[in-house]
Protein backbone atom coordinates (compact mmCIF):
# COMPACT_ATOMS: atom_id res chain seq x y z
CA MET A 1 0.00 0.00 0.00
CA GLU A 2 2.76 2.41 0.94
CA SER A 3 4.71 1.64 -2.25
CA GLN A 4 1.60 2.48 -4.29
CA MET A 5 1.36 5.85 -2.50
CA ASN A 6 5.03 6.57 -3.21
CA GLY A 7 4.56 5.56 -6.85
CA ALA A 8 1.56 7.89 -7.17
CA LEU A 9 3.52 10.77 -5.63
CA ILE A 10 6.44 10.16 -7.97
CA ASP A 11 4.07 10.60 -10.91
CA TYR A 12 3.33 14.16 -9.73
CA ILE A 13 6.97 15.30 -9.50
CA PRO A 14 6.98 16.82 -13.04
CA ILE A 15 3.89 18.87 -12.18
CA PHE A 16 5.49 20.17 -8.99
CA MET A 17 8.63 21.01 -10.93
CA VAL A 18 6.62 23.07 -13.43
CA PHE A 19 4.96 24.97 -10.55
CA ILE A 20 8.32 25.65 -8.91
CA VAL A 21 9.87 26.88 -12.17
CA ALA A 22 6.82 29.09 -12.93
CA ILE A 23 6.78 30.67 -9.47
CA GLY A 24 10.56 31.10 -9.52
CA PHE A 25 10.44 32.75 -12.94
CA ALA A 26 7.71 35.16 -11.81
CA VAL A 27 9.56 36.12 -8.63
CA VAL A 28 12.91 36.56 -10.39
CA THR A 29 11.33 38.67 -13.15
CA VAL A 30 9.60 41.02 -10.72
CA LEU A 31 12.65 41.34 -8.47
CA THR A 32 15.07 42.08 -11.33
CA SER A 33 12.67 44.67 -12.68
CA LYS A 34 12.52 46.36 -9.28
CA LEU A 35 16.27 46.16 -8.69
CA PHE A 36 17.60 47.12 -12.12
CA GLY A 37 14.74 49.05 -13.72
CA PRO A 38 14.59 52.86 -13.74
CA GLN A 39 12.72 54.33 -10.80
CA ARG A 40 11.70 57.85 -11.84
CA PRO A 41 8.09 58.33 -10.74
CA ASN A 42 6.28 61.52 -11.69
CA SER A 43 2.67 62.65 -11.52
CA GLU A 44 1.86 61.25 -14.96
CA LYS A 45 3.31 57.81 -14.22
CA VAL A 46 1.56 57.37 -10.87
CA SER A 47 -1.85 58.54 -12.12
CA THR A 48 -4.66 56.13 -12.96
CA TYR A 49 -4.61 54.97 -16.59
CA GLU A 50 -7.98 54.87 -18.33
CA SER A 51 -7.18 54.17 -22.00
CA GLY A 52 -5.26 57.42 -22.29
CA MET A 53 -8.12 59.46 -20.79
CA LYS A 54 -8.12 61.32 -17.52
CA PRO A 55 -10.22 59.43 -14.94
CA ILE A 56 -13.73 60.81 -14.45
CA GLY A 57 -15.39 60.46 -11.07
CA THR A 58 -14.24 58.45 -8.09
CA ALA A 59 -13.57 54.79 -7.56
CA THR A 60 -16.78 54.47 -5.53
CA ASP A 61 -19.11 55.45 -8.39
CA ARG A 62 -21.78 52.89 -9.23
CA ILE A 63 -21.28 50.75 -12.33
CA SER A 64 -24.20 49.70 -14.50
CA ILE A 65 -25.52 46.19 -13.90
CA LYS A 66 -25.10 45.54 -17.65
CA TYR A 67 -21.35 45.29 -17.10
CA TYR A 68 -21.81 42.45 -14.62
CA LEU A 69 -24.37 40.70 -16.85
CA VAL A 70 -21.88 40.63 -19.71
CA ALA A 71 -19.27 39.14 -17.39
CA ILE A 72 -21.71 36.49 -16.17
CA PHE A 73 -22.77 35.65 -19.73
CA PHE A 74 -19.13 35.22 -20.68
CA ILE A 75 -18.55 32.85 -17.77
CA ILE A 76 -21.71 30.86 -18.56
CA PHE A 77 -20.88 30.36 -22.22
CA ASP A 78 -17.22 29.77 -21.49
CA LEU A 79 -18.13 26.99 -19.07
CA GLU A 80 -20.58 25.59 -21.55
CA VAL A 81 -17.89 25.36 -24.23
CA ILE A 82 -15.37 23.92 -21.78
CA PHE A 83 -17.71 21.05 -20.89
CA VAL A 84 -19.59 20.49 -24.14
CA TYR A 85 -16.69 20.49 -26.61
CA PRO A 86 -14.69 17.62 -25.06
CA TRP A 87 -17.93 15.71 -24.51
CA ALA A 88 -18.88 16.13 -28.16
CA VAL A 89 -15.44 15.03 -29.34
CA GLN A 90 -15.59 11.85 -27.24
CA PHE A 91 -19.33 11.27 -27.59
CA SER A 92 -19.22 8.15 -29.77
CA SER A 93 -16.80 6.28 -27.50
CA LEU A 94 -18.62 7.48 -24.37
CA PHE A 95 -21.97 6.41 -25.81
CA LYS A 96 -20.62 2.94 -26.65
CA GLU A 97 -19.28 2.56 -23.12
CA HIS A 98 -22.08 4.13 -21.04
CA GLY A 99 -25.10 4.26 -23.33
CA MET A 100 -28.01 6.68 -23.01
CA PRO A 101 -27.11 8.11 -19.53
CA ILE A 102 -24.14 9.96 -21.04
CA PHE A 103 -26.50 11.70 -23.45
CA THR A 104 -29.22 12.51 -20.92
CA SER A 105 -26.74 13.95 -18.41
CA MET A 106 -25.48 16.42 -21.03
CA VAL A 107 -29.03 17.29 -22.09
CA ILE A 108 -29.87 18.10 -18.45
CA PHE A 109 -26.68 20.17 -18.20
CA LEU A 110 -27.61 22.14 -21.34
CA ILE A 111 -31.21 22.64 -20.16
CA VAL A 112 -29.98 24.20 -16.91
CA PHE A 113 -27.74 26.57 -18.86
CA GLU A 114 -30.52 27.47 -21.28
CA LEU A 115 -32.89 28.21 -18.38
CA GLY A 116 -30.33 30.69 -17.09
CA PHE A 117 -30.03 32.19 -20.55
CA LEU A 118 -33.82 32.53 -20.87
CA TYR A 119 -34.05 34.08 -17.41
CA ALA A 120 -31.46 36.71 -18.33
CA TRP A 121 -33.27 37.38 -21.60
CA LYS A 122 -36.61 37.81 -19.81
CA LYS A 123 -35.04 40.18 -17.26
CA GLY A 124 -33.70 42.36 -20.11
CA GLY A 125 -30.05 41.40 -19.86
CA PHE A 126 -29.61 41.72 -23.62
CA ARG A 127 -31.22 45.16 -24.01
CA TRP A 128 -28.67 47.95 -24.23
CA ASP A 129 -30.82 51.06 -23.88
């Protein structure tokens, strides 16, 4: 049992190495930039950047709910693609192995997403007036 655990942990060593290299690269890049980069702050450099425009208002101003709806729609459809695409690619082999339950589970998944889509549509999430 213990040898199986050690064997399973050995399989994860390349993943841990990638994490260590990625974190090390990020830390070294930021530190060398701070140590060797020019440090000449002025009022223009430390001001808030808004696509080249001067900021209007304060940071506590209310943002339209439409902004958040677009973000939620993006997440919903992104998740849908992430789950549906691999399922569709492997559908024939999955259907041979598991039969109809593999199809009905995805249909239920898509119905739940479409109910959310219809709810947002009914609430006016797609109207931009």
